[in-house]
Amino acid sequence: MAASVHLRAVGLVEDHPCDLPITQGEFADAMGITPVHVNRVIQQMRADGLIELKGDRLNIPDWGKLKEVGEFDPTYLHLETNQAAACPSLFSPYAWRQALTKKAH
């Protein structure tokens, strides 16, 4: 998902979909959590209307809602102010980790 933020920041993504060529197992390894937990969080995010995931294609239907839920702060990207404001980004790695660990309890 962070890849989408960076692609948007450099102008390679114009809409909210992006390719996400990573398995849930790979994502779990990168985050230090179980694939089962990744799957549960993805399913909950789908049910909450935060993401649409079809194969390796991810779409964020409502950036504002996702940023709110993820407590996103664009300053962690260290972009210039105008870039950060123009970049409808996801949430910080810290907030993503928090969201995943909240769902586990």
PDB file of N, CA and C in Angstrom:
ATOM      1  N   MET A   1       0.809  -1.193   0.000  1.00  0.00           N
ATOM      2  CA  MET A   1       0.000   0.000   0.000  1.00  0.00           C
ATOM      3  C   MET A   1       0.852   1.256   0.000  1.00  0.00           C
ATOM      4  N   ALA A   2       1.946   1.196   0.727  1.00  0.00           N
ATOM      5  CA  ALA A   2       2.838   2.341   0.731  1.00  0.00           C
ATOM      6  C   ALA A   2       3.360   2.600  -0.676  1.00  0.00           C
ATOM      7  N   ALA A   3       3.459   1.549  -1.486  1.00  0.00           N
ATOM      8  CA  ALA A   3       3.900   1.732  -2.864  1.00  0.00           C
ATOM      9  C   ALA A   3       2.965   2.682  -3.596  1.00  0.00           C
ATOM     10  N   SER A   4       1.673   2.589  -3.330  1.00  0.00           N
ATOM     11  CA  SER A   4       0.709   3.483  -3.960  1.00  0.00           C
ATOM     12  C   SER A   4       0.982   4.927  -3.595  1.00  0.00           C
ATOM     13  N   VAL A   5       1.345   5.171  -2.356  1.00  0.00           N
ATOM     14  CA  VAL A   5       1.654   6.523  -1.893  1.00  0.00           C
ATOM     15  C   VAL A   5       2.821   7.076  -2.683  1.00  0.00           C
ATOM     16  N   HIS A   6       3.861   6.292  -2.807  1.00  0.00           N
ATOM     17  CA  HIS A   6       5.055   6.755  -3.496  1.00  0.00           C
ATOM     18  C   HIS A   6       4.812   6.906  -4.998  1.00  0.00           C
ATOM     19  N   LEU A   7       4.052   5.999  -5.602  1.00  0.00           N
ATOM     20  CA  LEU A   7       3.727   6.136  -7.020  1.00  0.00           C
ATOM     21  C   LEU A   7       2.927   7.409  -7.274  1.00  0.00           C
ATOM     22  N   ARG A   8       1.992   7.722  -6.385  1.00  0.00           N
ATOM     23  CA  ARG A   8       1.203   8.933  -6.527  1.00  0.00           C
ATOM     24  C   ARG A   8       2.092  10.169  -6.350  1.00  0.00           C
ATOM     25  N   ALA A   9       3.007  10.097  -5.395  1.00  0.00           N
ATOM     26  CA  ALA A   9       3.889  11.235  -5.102  1.00  0.00           C
ATOM     27  C   ALA A   9       4.765  11.593  -6.297  1.00  0.00           C
ATOM     28  N   VAL A  10       5.165  10.595  -7.080  1.00  0.00           N
ATOM     29  CA  VAL A  10       6.009  10.880  -8.244  1.00  0.00           C
ATOM     30  C   VAL A  10       5.207  10.963  -9.538  1.00  0.00           C
ATOM     31  N   GLY A  11       3.881  10.961  -9.420  1.00  0.00           N
ATOM     32  CA  GLY A  11       3.031  11.184 -10.585  1.00  0.00           C
ATOM     33  C   GLY A  11       2.785   9.965 -11.451  1.00  0.00           C
ATOM     34  N   LEU A  12       3.040   8.759 -10.952  1.00  0.00           N
ATOM     35  CA  LEU A  12       2.824   7.561 -11.749  1.00  0.00           C
ATOM     36  C   LEU A  12       1.434   6.960 -11.562  1.00  0.00           C
ATOM     37  N   VAL A  13       0.675   7.449 -10.614  1.00  0.00           N
ATOM     38  CA  VAL A  13      -0.689   6.980 -10.381  1.00  0.00           C
ATOM     39  C   VAL A  13      -1.601   8.203 -10.413  1.00  0.00           C
ATOM     40  N   GLU A  14      -2.622   8.153 -11.246  1.00  0.00           N
ATOM     41  CA  GLU A  14      -3.516   9.293 -11.351  1.00  0.00           C
ATOM     42  C   GLU A  14      -4.862   9.054 -10.684  1.00  0.00           C
ATOM     43  N   ASP A  15      -5.188   7.809 -10.433  1.00  0.00           N
ATOM     44  CA  ASP A  15      -6.443   7.483  -9.790  1.00  0.00           C
ATOM     45  C   ASP A  15      -6.115   6.700  -8.531  1.00  0.00           C
ATOM     46  N   HIS A  16      -7.093   6.099  -7.918  1.00  0.00           N
ATOM     47  CA  HIS A  16      -6.862   5.407  -6.653  1.00  0.00           C
ATOM     48  C   HIS A  16      -6.495   3.930  -6.772  1.00  0.00           C
ATOM     49  N   PRO A  17      -6.516   3.319  -7.945  1.00  0.00           N
ATOM     50  CA  PRO A  17      -6.084   1.926  -8.021  1.00  0.00           C
ATOM     51  C   PRO A  17      -4.573   1.814  -8.240  1.00  0.00           C
ATOM     52  N   CYS A  18      -4.036   0.676  -7.864  1.00  0.00           N
ATOM     53  CA  CYS A  18      -2.629   0.389  -8.159  1.00  0.00           C
ATOM     54  C   CYS A  18      -2.425  -1.121  -8.122  1.00  0.00           C
ATOM     55  N   ASP A  19      -1.336  -1.570  -8.731  1.00  0.00           N
ATOM     56  CA  ASP A  19      -0.967  -2.979  -8.657  1.00  0.00           C
ATOM     57  C   ASP A  19      -0.344  -3.237  -7.296  1.00  0.00           C
ATOM     58  N   LEU A  20      -0.654  -4.384  -6.738  1.00  0.00           N
ATOM     59  CA  LEU A  20      -0.101  -4.772  -5.448  1.00  0.00           C
ATOM     60  C   LEU A  20       0.436  -6.206  -5.580  1.00  0.00           C
ATOM     61  N   PRO A  21       1.612  -6.341  -6.215  1.00  0.00           N
ATOM     62  CA  PRO A  21       2.138  -7.678  -6.513  1.00  0.00           C
ATOM     63  C   PRO A  21       2.849  -8.309  -5.317  1.00  0.00           C
ATOM     64  N   ILE A  22       2.092  -8.558  -4.258  1.00  0.00           N
ATOM     65  CA  ILE A  22       2.651  -9.168  -3.051  1.00  0.00           C
ATOM     66  C   ILE A  22       1.588 -10.098  -2.472  1.00  0.00           C
ATOM     67  N   THR A  23       2.030 -11.239  -1.997  1.00  0.00           N
ATOM     68  CA  THR A  23       1.073 -12.172  -1.398  1.00  0.00           C
ATOM     69  C   THR A  23       0.802 -11.772   0.052  1.00  0.00           C
ATOM     70  N   GLN A  24      -0.258 -12.315   0.594  1.00  0.00           N
ATOM     71  CA  GLN A  24      -0.555 -12.048   2.001  1.00  0.00           C
ATOM     72  C   GLN A  24       0.556 -12.603   2.894  1.00  0.00           C
ATOM     73  N   GLY A  25       1.143 -13.714   2.500  1.00  0.00           N
ATOM     74  CA  GLY A  25       2.256 -14.283   3.258  1.00  0.00           C
ATOM     75  C   GLY A  25       3.477 -13.368   3.248  1.00  0.00           C
ATOM     76  N   GLU A  26       3.779 -12.814   2.089  1.00  0.00           N
ATOM     77  CA  GLU A  26       4.906 -11.878   1.982  1.00  0.00           C
ATOM     78  C   GLU A  26       4.636 -10.614   2.791  1.00  0.00           C
ATOM     79  N   PHE A  27       3.406 -10.143   2.712  1.00  0.00           N
ATOM     80  CA  PHE A  27       3.023  -8.952   3.476  1.00  0.00           C
ATOM     81  C   PHE A  27       3.155  -9.229   4.971  1.00  0.00           C
ATOM     82  N   ALA A  28       2.700 -10.405   5.398  1.00  0.00           N
ATOM     83  CA  ALA A  28       2.789 -10.790   6.812  1.00  0.00           C
ATOM     84  C   ALA A  28       4.250 -10.843   7.266  1.00  0.00           C
ATOM     85  N   ASP A  29       5.113 -11.438   6.441  1.00  0.00           N
ATOM     86  CA  ASP A  29       6.541 -11.503   6.779  1.00  0.00           C
ATOM     87  C   ASP A  29       7.128 -10.110   6.931  1.00  0.00           C
ATOM     88  N   ALA A  30       6.766  -9.217   6.019  1.00  0.00           N
ATOM     89  CA  ALA A  30       7.288  -7.843   6.069  1.00  0.00           C
ATOM     90  C   ALA A  30       6.820  -7.099   7.314  1.00  0.00           C
ATOM     91  N   MET A  31       5.590  -7.394   7.767  1.00  0.00           N
ATOM     92  CA  MET A  31       5.021  -6.711   8.926  1.00  0.00           C
ATOM     93  C   MET A  31       5.306  -7.431  10.245  1.00  0.00           C
ATOM     94  N   GLY A  32       5.809  -8.655  10.168  1.00  0.00           N
ATOM     95  CA  GLY A  32       6.086  -9.414  11.387  1.00  0.00           C
ATOM     96  C   GLY A  32       4.830  -9.942  12.057  1.00  0.00           C
ATOM     97  N   ILE A  33       3.822 -10.270  11.244  1.00  0.00           N
ATOM     98  CA  ILE A  33       2.566 -10.819  11.763  1.00  0.00           C
ATOM     99  C   ILE A  33       2.222 -12.072  10.965  1.00  0.00           C
ATOM    100  N   THR A  34       1.138 -12.745  11.323  1.00  0.00           N
ATOM    101  CA  THR A  34       0.789 -13.984  10.625  1.00  0.00           C
ATOM    102  C   THR A  34      -0.033 -13.695   9.371  1.00  0.00           C
ATOM    103  N   PRO A  35       0.069 -14.595   8.378  1.00  0.00           N
ATOM    104  CA  PRO A  35      -0.764 -14.449   7.184  1.00  0.00           C
ATOM    105  C   PRO A  35      -2.259 -14.487   7.517  1.00  0.00           C
ATOM    106  N   VAL A  36      -2.645 -15.268   8.521  1.00  0.00           N
ATOM    107  CA  VAL A  36      -4.052 -15.335   8.937  1.00  0.00           C
ATOM    108  C   VAL A  36      -4.513 -13.950   9.399  1.00  0.00           C
ATOM    109  N   HIS A  37      -3.666 -13.264  10.153  1.00  0.00           N
ATOM    110  CA  HIS A  37      -4.029 -11.934  10.638  1.00  0.00           C
ATOM    111  C   HIS A  37      -4.142 -10.940   9.481  1.00  0.00           C
ATOM    112  N   VAL A  38      -3.214 -11.010   8.534  1.00  0.00           N
ATOM    113  CA  VAL A  38      -3.287 -10.147   7.348  1.00  0.00           C
ATOM    114  C   VAL A  38      -4.607 -10.388   6.629  1.00  0.00           C
ATOM    115  N   ASN A  39      -4.963 -11.661   6.440  1.00  0.00           N
ATOM    116  CA  ASN A  39      -6.208 -11.985   5.752  1.00  0.00           C
ATOM    117  C   ASN A  39      -7.413 -11.424   6.487  1.00  0.00           C
ATOM    118  N   ARG A  40      -7.450 -11.548   7.796  1.00  0.00           N
ATOM    119  CA  ARG A  40      -8.583 -11.036   8.584  1.00  0.00           C
ATOM    120  C   ARG A  40      -8.697  -9.516   8.467  1.00  0.00           C
ATOM    121  N   VAL A  41      -7.557  -8.841   8.523  1.00  0.00           N
ATOM    122  CA  VAL A  41      -7.582  -7.371   8.416  1.00  0.00           C
ATOM    123  C   VAL A  41      -8.030  -6.944   7.020  1.00  0.00           C
ATOM    124  N   ILE A  42      -7.530  -7.625   5.993  1.00  0.00           N
ATOM    125  CA  ILE A  42      -7.954  -7.306   4.623  1.00  0.00           C
ATOM    126  C   ILE A  42      -9.458  -7.518   4.480  1.00  0.00           C
ATOM    127  N   GLN A  43      -9.963  -8.616   4.998  1.00  0.00           N
ATOM    128  CA  GLN A  43     -11.402  -8.883   4.913  1.00  0.00           C
ATOM    129  C   GLN A  43     -12.211  -7.813   5.651  1.00  0.00           C
ATOM    130  N   GLN A  44     -11.712  -7.373   6.817  1.00  0.00           N
ATOM    131  CA  GLN A  44     -12.410  -6.329   7.566  1.00  0.00           C
ATOM    132  C   GLN A  44     -12.354  -4.996   6.817  1.00  0.00           C
ATOM    133  N   MET A  45     -11.197  -4.693   6.221  1.00  0.00           N
ATOM    134  CA  MET A  45     -11.076  -3.447   5.453  1.00  0.00           C
ATOM    135  C   MET A  45     -12.008  -3.468   4.242  1.00  0.00           C
ATOM    136  N   ARG A  46     -12.156  -4.632   3.614  1.00  0.00           N
ATOM    137  CA  ARG A  46     -13.110  -4.773   2.506  1.00  0.00           C
ATOM    138  C   ARG A  46     -14.535  -4.540   3.015  1.00  0.00           C
ATOM    139  N   ALA A  47     -14.877  -5.193   4.118  1.00  0.00           N
ATOM    140  CA  ALA A  47     -16.231  -5.076   4.678  1.00  0.00           C
ATOM    141  C   ALA A  47     -16.542  -3.637   5.083  1.00  0.00           C
ATOM    142  N   ASP A  48     -15.527  -2.905   5.549  1.00  0.00           N
ATOM    143  CA  ASP A  48     -15.710  -1.507   5.953  1.00  0.00           C
ATOM    144  C   ASP A  48     -15.687  -0.549   4.770  1.00  0.00           C
ATOM    145  N   GLY A  49     -15.470  -1.087   3.558  1.00  0.00           N
ATOM    146  CA  GLY A  49     -15.444  -0.246   2.362  1.00  0.00           C
ATOM    147  C   GLY A  49     -14.175   0.581   2.223  1.00  0.00           C
ATOM    148  N   LEU A  50     -13.111   0.178   2.917  1.00  0.00           N
ATOM    149  CA  LEU A  50     -11.858   0.930   2.856  1.00  0.00           C
ATOM    150  C   LEU A  50     -11.017   0.551   1.650  1.00  0.00           C
ATOM    151  N   ILE A  51     -11.104  -0.711   1.240  1.00  0.00           N
ATOM    152  CA  ILE A  51     -10.332  -1.174   0.085  1.00  0.00           C
ATOM    153  C   ILE A  51     -11.173  -2.097  -0.776  1.00  0.00           C
ATOM    154  N   GLU A  52     -10.765  -2.193  -2.027  1.00  0.00           N
ATOM    155  CA  GLU A  52     -11.272  -3.199  -2.959  1.00  0.00           C
ATOM    156  C   GLU A  52     -10.027  -3.896  -3.488  1.00  0.00           C
ATOM    157  N   LEU A  53      -9.984  -5.208  -3.376  1.00  0.00           N
ATOM    158  CA  LEU A  53      -8.812  -5.961  -3.804  1.00  0.00           C
ATOM    159  C   LEU A  53      -9.268  -7.096  -4.696  1.00  0.00           C
ATOM    160  N   LYS A  54      -8.817  -7.045  -5.953  1.00  0.00           N
ATOM    161  CA  LYS A  54      -9.157  -8.090  -6.928  1.00  0.00           C
ATOM    162  C   LYS A  54      -7.849  -8.569  -7.544  1.00  0.00           C
ATOM    163  N   GLY A  55      -7.457  -9.788  -7.185  1.00  0.00           N
ATOM    164  CA  GLY A  55      -6.158 -10.279  -7.649  1.00  0.00           C
ATOM    165  C   GLY A  55      -5.061  -9.417  -7.055  1.00  0.00           C
ATOM    166  N   ASP A  56      -4.154  -8.912  -7.921  1.00  0.00           N
ATOM    167  CA  ASP A  56      -3.134  -7.998  -7.397  1.00  0.00           C
ATOM    168  C   ASP A  56      -3.491  -6.555  -7.680  1.00  0.00           C
ATOM    169  N   ARG A  57      -4.753  -6.248  -7.845  1.00  0.00           N
ATOM    170  CA  ARG A  57      -5.183  -4.864  -8.103  1.00  0.00           C
ATOM    171  C   ARG A  57      -5.890  -4.327  -6.864  1.00  0.00           C
ATOM    172  N   LEU A  58      -5.333  -3.273  -6.292  1.00  0.00           N
ATOM    173  CA  LEU A  58      -5.884  -2.633  -5.100  1.00  0.00           C
ATOM    174  C   LEU A  58      -6.534  -1.321  -5.506  1.00  0.00           C
ATOM    175  N   ASN A  59      -7.715  -1.059  -4.981  1.00  0.00           N
ATOM    176  CA  ASN A  59      -8.372   0.225  -5.199  1.00  0.00           C
ATOM    177  C   ASN A  59      -8.803   0.778  -3.849  1.00  0.00           C
ATOM    178  N   ILE A  60      -8.611   2.072  -3.686  1.00  0.00           N
ATOM    179  CA  ILE A  60      -9.038   2.772  -2.485  1.00  0.00           C
ATOM    180  C   ILE A  60     -10.217   3.661  -2.894  1.00  0.00           C
ATOM    181  N   PRO A  61     -11.448   3.247  -2.591  1.00  0.00           N
ATOM    182  CA  PRO A  61     -12.603   4.006  -3.049  1.00  0.00           C
ATOM    183  C   PRO A  61     -12.796   5.356  -2.338  1.00  0.00           C
ATOM    184  N   ASP A  62     -12.329   5.474  -1.110  1.00  0.00           N
ATOM    185  CA  ASP A  62     -12.530   6.712  -0.352  1.00  0.00           C
ATOM    186  C   ASP A  62     -11.253   7.028   0.434  1.00  0.00           C
ATOM    187  N   TRP A  63     -10.370   7.826  -0.196  1.00  0.00           N
ATOM    188  CA  TRP A  63      -9.084   8.161   0.435  1.00  0.00           C
ATOM    189  C   TRP A  63      -9.287   8.846   1.778  1.00  0.00           C
ATOM    190  N   GLY A  64     -10.229   9.741   1.843  1.00  0.00           N
ATOM    191  CA  GLY A  64     -10.466  10.479   3.083  1.00  0.00           C
ATOM    192  C   GLY A  64     -10.814   9.552   4.231  1.00  0.00           C
ATOM    193  N   LYS A  65     -11.700   8.604   3.973  1.00  0.00           N
ATOM    194  CA  LYS A  65     -12.105   7.651   5.010  1.00  0.00           C
ATOM    195  C   LYS A  65     -10.922   6.785   5.446  1.00  0.00           C
ATOM    196  N   LEU A  66     -10.121   6.316   4.487  1.00  0.00           N
ATOM    197  CA  LEU A  66      -8.972   5.485   4.817  1.00  0.00           C
ATOM    198  C   LEU A  66      -7.941   6.277   5.627  1.00  0.00           C
ATOM    199  N   LYS A  67      -7.708   7.521   5.238  1.00  0.00           N
ATOM    200  CA  LYS A  67      -6.761   8.351   5.991  1.00  0.00           C
ATOM    201  C   LYS A  67      -7.260   8.591   7.410  1.00  0.00           C
ATOM    202  N   GLU A  68      -8.554   8.804   7.556  1.00  0.00           N
ATOM    203  CA  GLU A  68      -9.130   9.031   8.887  1.00  0.00           C
ATOM    204  C   GLU A  68      -8.987   7.789   9.771  1.00  0.00           C
ATOM    205  N   VAL A  69      -9.365   6.635   9.235  1.00  0.00           N
ATOM    206  CA  VAL A  69      -9.280   5.387   9.994  1.00  0.00           C
ATOM    207  C   VAL A  69      -7.824   5.082  10.361  1.00  0.00           C
ATOM    208  N   GLY A  70      -6.912   5.351   9.427  1.00  0.00           N
ATOM    209  CA  GLY A  70      -5.502   5.059   9.660  1.00  0.00           C
ATOM    210  C   GLY A  70      -4.741   6.140  10.390  1.00  0.00           C
ATOM    211  N   GLU A  71      -5.426   7.229  10.765  1.00  0.00           N
ATOM    212  CA  GLU A  71      -4.784   8.350  11.449  1.00  0.00           C
ATOM    213  C   GLU A  71      -3.546   8.808  10.683  1.00  0.00           C
ATOM    214  N   PHE A  72      -3.715   8.973   9.362  1.00  0.00           N
ATOM    215  CA  PHE A  72      -2.588   9.318   8.487  1.00  0.00           C
ATOM    216  C   PHE A  72      -2.063  10.721   8.760  1.00  0.00           C
ATOM    217  N   ASP A  73      -0.741  10.824   8.794  1.00  0.00           N
ATOM    218  CA  ASP A  73      -0.052  12.109   8.913  1.00  0.00           C
ATOM    219  C   ASP A  73       0.946  12.191   7.761  1.00  0.00           C
ATOM    220  N   PRO A  74       0.686  13.018   6.744  1.00  0.00           N
ATOM    221  CA  PRO A  74       1.566  13.051   5.571  1.00  0.00           C
ATOM    222  C   PRO A  74       2.970  13.568   5.853  1.00  0.00           C
ATOM    223  N   THR A  75       3.209  14.151   7.003  1.00  0.00           N
ATOM    224  CA  THR A  75       4.541  14.698   7.267  1.00  0.00           C
ATOM    225  C   THR A  75       5.600  13.607   7.393  1.00  0.00           C
ATOM    226  N   TYR A  76       5.197  12.355   7.659  1.00  0.00           N
ATOM    227  CA  TYR A  76       6.212  11.298   7.764  1.00  0.00           C
ATOM    228  C   TYR A  76       6.885  11.040   6.427  1.00  0.00           C
ATOM    229  N   LEU A  77       6.255  11.451   5.323  1.00  0.00           N
ATOM    230  CA  LEU A  77       6.826  11.236   3.996  1.00  0.00           C
ATOM    231  C   LEU A  77       7.950  12.220   3.679  1.00  0.00           C
ATOM    232  N   HIS A  78       8.026  13.285   4.450  1.00  0.00           N
ATOM    233  CA  HIS A  78       9.042  14.322   4.257  1.00  0.00           C
ATOM    234  C   HIS A  78       9.000  14.904   2.846  1.00  0.00           C
ATOM    235  N   LEU A  79       7.793  15.069   2.320  1.00  0.00           N
ATOM    236  CA  LEU A  79       7.612  15.722   1.028  1.00  0.00           C
ATOM    237  C   LEU A  79       7.469  17.213   1.271  1.00  0.00           C
ATOM    238  N   GLU A  80       7.675  17.980   0.208  1.00  0.00           N
ATOM    239  CA  GLU A  80       7.413  19.404   0.327  1.00  0.00           C
ATOM    240  C   GLU A  80       5.940  19.584   0.653  1.00  0.00           C
ATOM    241  N   THR A  81       5.598  20.687   1.283  1.00  0.00           N
ATOM    242  CA  THR A  81       4.228  20.922   1.734  1.00  0.00           C
ATOM    243  C   THR A  81       3.219  20.765   0.606  1.00  0.00           C
ATOM    244  N   ASN A  82       3.502  21.332  -0.570  1.00  0.00           N
ATOM    245  CA  ASN A  82       2.538  21.238  -1.673  1.00  0.00           C
ATOM    246  C   ASN A  82       2.401  19.805  -2.176  1.00  0.00           C
ATOM    247  N   GLN A  83       3.476  19.018  -2.135  1.00  0.00           N
ATOM    248  CA  GLN A  83       3.387  17.620  -2.543  1.00  0.00           C
ATOM    249  C   GLN A  83       2.568  16.818  -1.549  1.00  0.00           C
ATOM    250  N   ALA A  84       2.793  17.045  -0.261  1.00  0.00           N
ATOM    251  CA  ALA A  84       2.054  16.302   0.764  1.00  0.00           C
ATOM    252  C   ALA A  84       0.572  16.617   0.686  1.00  0.00           C
ATOM    253  N   ALA A  85       0.231  17.874   0.426  1.00  0.00           N
ATOM    254  CA  ALA A  85      -1.179  18.256   0.333  1.00  0.00           C
ATOM    255  C   ALA A  85      -1.823  17.651  -0.907  1.00  0.00           C
ATOM    256  N   ALA A  86      -1.057  17.517  -1.991  1.00  0.00           N
ATOM    257  CA  ALA A  86      -1.600  17.001  -3.245  1.00  0.00           C
ATOM    258  C   ALA A  86      -1.634  15.476  -3.284  1.00  0.00           C
ATOM    259  N   CYS A  87      -0.983  14.843  -2.348  1.00  0.00           N
ATOM    260  CA  CYS A  87      -0.856  13.390  -2.358  1.00  0.00           C
ATOM    261  C   CYS A  87      -1.903  12.757  -1.455  1.00  0.00           C
ATOM    262  N   PRO A  88      -2.997  12.229  -2.015  1.00  0.00           N
ATOM    263  CA  PRO A  88      -3.984  11.562  -1.166  1.00  0.00           C
ATOM    264  C   PRO A  88      -3.432  10.218  -0.726  1.00  0.00           C
ATOM    265  N   SER A  89      -2.628  10.254   0.283  1.00  0.00           N
ATOM    266  CA  SER A  89      -1.842   9.100   0.687  1.00  0.00           C
ATOM    267  C   SER A  89      -2.584   8.184   1.641  1.00  0.00           C
ATOM    268  N   LEU A  90      -1.982   7.046   1.840  1.00  0.00           N
ATOM    269  CA  LEU A  90      -2.503   6.115   2.821  1.00  0.00           C
ATOM    270  C   LEU A  90      -2.054   6.577   4.189  1.00  0.00           C
ATOM    271  N   PHE A  91      -1.764   5.685   5.070  1.00  0.00           N
ATOM    272  CA  PHE A  91      -1.391   6.074   6.408  1.00  0.00           C
ATOM    273  C   PHE A  91       0.033   5.668   6.712  1.00  0.00           C
ATOM    274  N   SER A  92       0.560   6.226   7.788  1.00  0.00           N
ATOM    275  CA  SER A  92       1.956   5.983   8.151  1.00  0.00           C
ATOM    276  C   SER A  92       2.163   4.519   8.523  1.00  0.00           C
ATOM    277  N   PRO A  93       3.402   4.034   8.398  1.00  0.00           N
ATOM    278  CA  PRO A  93       3.675   2.657   8.816  1.00  0.00           C
ATOM    279  C   PRO A  93       3.293   2.431  10.277  1.00  0.00           C
ATOM    280  N   TYR A  94       3.499   3.426  11.112  1.00  0.00           N
ATOM    281  CA  TYR A  94       3.129   3.294  12.528  1.00  0.00           C
ATOM    282  C   TYR A  94       1.620   3.082  12.671  1.00  0.00           C
ATOM    283  N   ALA A  95       0.832   3.890  11.988  1.00  0.00           N
ATOM    284  CA  ALA A  95      -0.625   3.779  12.086  1.00  0.00           C
ATOM    285  C   ALA A  95      -1.103   2.456  11.493  1.00  0.00           C
ATOM    286  N   TRP A  96      -0.471   2.004  10.406  1.00  0.00           N
ATOM    287  CA  TRP A  96      -0.837   0.720   9.796  1.00  0.00           C
ATOM    288  C   TRP A  96      -0.580  -0.399  10.800  1.00  0.00           C
ATOM    289  N   ARG A  97       0.572  -0.351  11.442  1.00  0.00           N
ATOM    290  CA  ARG A  97       0.906  -1.369  12.444  1.00  0.00           C
ATOM    291  C   ARG A  97      -0.106  -1.325  13.588  1.00  0.00           C
ATOM    292  N   GLN A  98      -0.484  -0.098  14.012  1.00  0.00           N
ATOM    293  CA  GLN A  98      -1.466   0.047  15.078  1.00  0.00           C
ATOM    294  C   GLN A  98      -2.806  -0.562  14.670  1.00  0.00           C
ATOM    295  N   ALA A  99      -3.229  -0.293  13.438  1.00  0.00           N
ATOM    296  CA  ALA A  99      -4.506  -0.820  12.954  1.00  0.00           C
ATOM    297  C   ALA A  99      -4.480  -2.343  12.938  1.00  0.00           C
ATOM    298  N   LEU A 100      -3.374  -2.916  12.513  1.00  0.00           N
ATOM    299  CA  LEU A 100      -3.269  -4.376  12.458  1.00  0.00           C
ATOM    300  C   LEU A 100      -3.268  -4.983  13.862  1.00  0.00           C
ATOM    301  N   THR A 101      -2.555  -4.353  14.791  1.00  0.00           N
ATOM    302  CA  THR A 101      -2.481  -4.937  16.129  1.00  0.00           C
ATOM    303  C   THR A 101      -3.787  -4.733  16.895  1.00  0.00           C
ATOM    304  N   LYS A 102      -4.530  -3.654  16.621  1.00  0.00           N
ATOM    305  CA  LYS A 102      -5.830  -3.463  17.269  1.00  0.00           C
ATOM    306  C   LYS A 102      -6.785  -4.584  16.893  1.00  0.00           C
ATOM    307  N   LYS A 103      -6.759  -4.989  15.622  1.00  0.00           N
ATOM    308  CA  LYS A 103      -7.659  -6.034  15.134  1.00  0.00           C
ATOM    309  C   LYS A 103      -7.322  -7.381  15.750  1.00  0.00           C
ATOM    310  N   ALA A 104      -6.075  -7.561  16.209  1.00  0.00           N
ATOM    311  CA  ALA A 104      -5.655  -8.851  16.749  1.00  0.00           C
ATOM    312  C   ALA A 104      -6.210  -9.078  18.155  1.00  0.00           C
ATOM    313  N   HIS A 105      -6.531  -8.019  18.862  1.00  0.00           N
ATOM    314  CA  HIS A 105      -6.948  -8.158  20.265  1.00  0.00           C
ATOM    315  C   HIS A 105      -8.420  -8.297  20.410  1.00  0.00           C
TER     316      HIS A 105
END
